[in-house]
Protein backbone atom coordinates (compact mmCIF):
# COMPACT_ATOMS: atom_id res chain seq x y z
CA UNK A 1 -19.26 -11.89 -61.08
CA UNK A 2 -16.87 -11.96 -58.11
CA UNK A 3 -17.25 -9.67 -55.09
CA UNK A 4 -14.75 -9.26 -52.25
CA UNK A 5 -16.33 -9.06 -48.79
CA UNK A 6 -13.84 -7.45 -46.42
CA UNK A 7 -14.24 -6.94 -42.67
CA UNK A 8 -11.98 -4.87 -40.46
CA UNK A 9 -10.88 -4.80 -36.82
CA UNK A 10 -12.82 -6.62 -34.11
CA UNK A 11 -15.47 -7.94 -36.50
CA UNK A 12 -14.05 -11.41 -35.89
CA UNK A 13 -15.46 -11.00 -32.35
CA UNK A 14 -19.07 -10.71 -33.48
CA UNK A 15 -21.24 -13.13 -31.56
CA UNK A 16 -19.14 -12.86 -28.41
CA UNK A 17 -19.63 -9.15 -27.72
CA UNK A 18 -22.66 -7.40 -26.21
CA UNK A 19 -25.52 -8.83 -28.26
CA UNK A 20 -27.79 -5.88 -27.45
CA UNK A 21 -25.38 -3.67 -29.40
CA UNK A 22 -23.72 -5.99 -31.92
CA UNK A 23 -26.32 -8.74 -32.36
CA UNK A 24 -25.78 -12.44 -31.76
CA UNK A 25 -24.57 -13.60 -35.19
CA UNK A 26 -20.91 -14.47 -35.62
CA UNK A 27 -18.95 -13.25 -38.63
CA UNK A 28 -18.92 -16.81 -39.92
CA UNK A 29 -22.72 -16.99 -39.70
CA UNK A 30 -23.04 -13.68 -41.55
CA UNK A 31 -20.65 -14.90 -44.24
CA UNK A 32 -22.63 -18.15 -44.60
CA UNK A 33 -25.85 -16.16 -45.00
CA UNK A 34 -24.27 -13.95 -47.68
CA UNK A 35 -22.85 -16.99 -49.45
CA UNK A 36 -26.25 -18.68 -49.67
CA UNK A 37 -27.79 -15.51 -51.12
CA UNK A 38 -24.91 -15.02 -53.57
CA UNK A 39 -25.16 -18.63 -54.76
CA UNK A 40 -28.87 -18.12 -55.47
CA UNK A 41 -28.10 -15.19 -57.77
CA UNK A 42 -24.92 -16.58 -59.34
CA UNK A 43 -22.38 -14.33 -57.61
CA UNK A 44 -19.03 -15.58 -56.29
CA UNK A 45 -17.91 -14.15 -52.95
CA UNK A 46 -14.44 -14.04 -51.44
CA UNK A 47 -14.22 -13.25 -47.70
CA UNK A 48 -11.39 -11.63 -45.75
CA UNK A 49 -11.05 -10.19 -42.25
CA UNK A 50 -8.09 -8.49 -40.61
CA UNK A 51 -7.51 -6.54 -37.42
CA UNK A 52 -4.74 -4.60 -39.18
CA UNK A 53 -5.18 -1.82 -41.71
CA UNK A 54 -2.12 -2.95 -43.66
CA UNK A 55 -3.59 -6.44 -44.01
CA UNK A 56 -6.75 -4.96 -45.50
CA UNK A 57 -4.75 -2.82 -47.93
CA UNK A 58 -2.58 -5.78 -48.97
CA UNK A 59 -5.64 -7.96 -49.62
CA UNK A 60 -7.34 -5.26 -51.69
CA UNK A 61 -4.22 -4.62 -53.77
CA UNK A 62 -3.65 -8.35 -54.37
CA UNK A 63 -7.26 -9.06 -55.41
CA UNK A 64 -8.62 -5.93 -57.09
CA UNK A 65 -7.88 -6.99 -60.66
CA UNK A 66 -9.46 -10.42 -60.18
CA UNK A 67 -12.75 -9.10 -58.76
CA UNK A 68 -15.69 -7.05 -59.99
CA UNK A 69 -16.40 -5.20 -56.77
CA UNK A 70 -15.58 -4.75 -53.11
CA UNK A 71 -17.86 -4.48 -50.09
CA UNK A 72 -15.91 -3.38 -47.03
CA UNK A 73 -16.92 -2.87 -43.43
CA UNK A 74 -13.75 -1.22 -42.17
CA UNK A 75 -15.07 -1.09 -38.62
CA UNK A 76 -13.08 1.10 -36.25
CA UNK A 77 -10.69 2.37 -38.94
CA UNK A 78 -13.50 3.91 -40.98
CA UNK A 79 -12.82 7.40 -39.63
CA UNK A 80 -9.03 7.57 -39.88
CA UNK A 81 -7.99 4.72 -42.17
CA UNK A 82 -6.72 7.06 -44.88
CA UNK A 83 -5.02 4.27 -46.82
CA UNK A 84 -8.42 2.63 -47.38
CA UNK A 85 -10.11 5.73 -48.81
């Protein structure tokens, strides 16, 4: 099973923003944690992050047929990112 893990705008700045709001883990640390868990249960993960809605859409379109699922944290474009809905 292959799952796409997609992160949107500003999530690449995790770990350097206000830790009382966003926590202290970086996106890389979160991805490493997820990867260890996925390996334990036999799931393949593919990670992608973009600060641009079009980049997220392109990645999804290019990888949908080769994956079994998508987990997306669209960040700030959650409310108005109509192309991702």
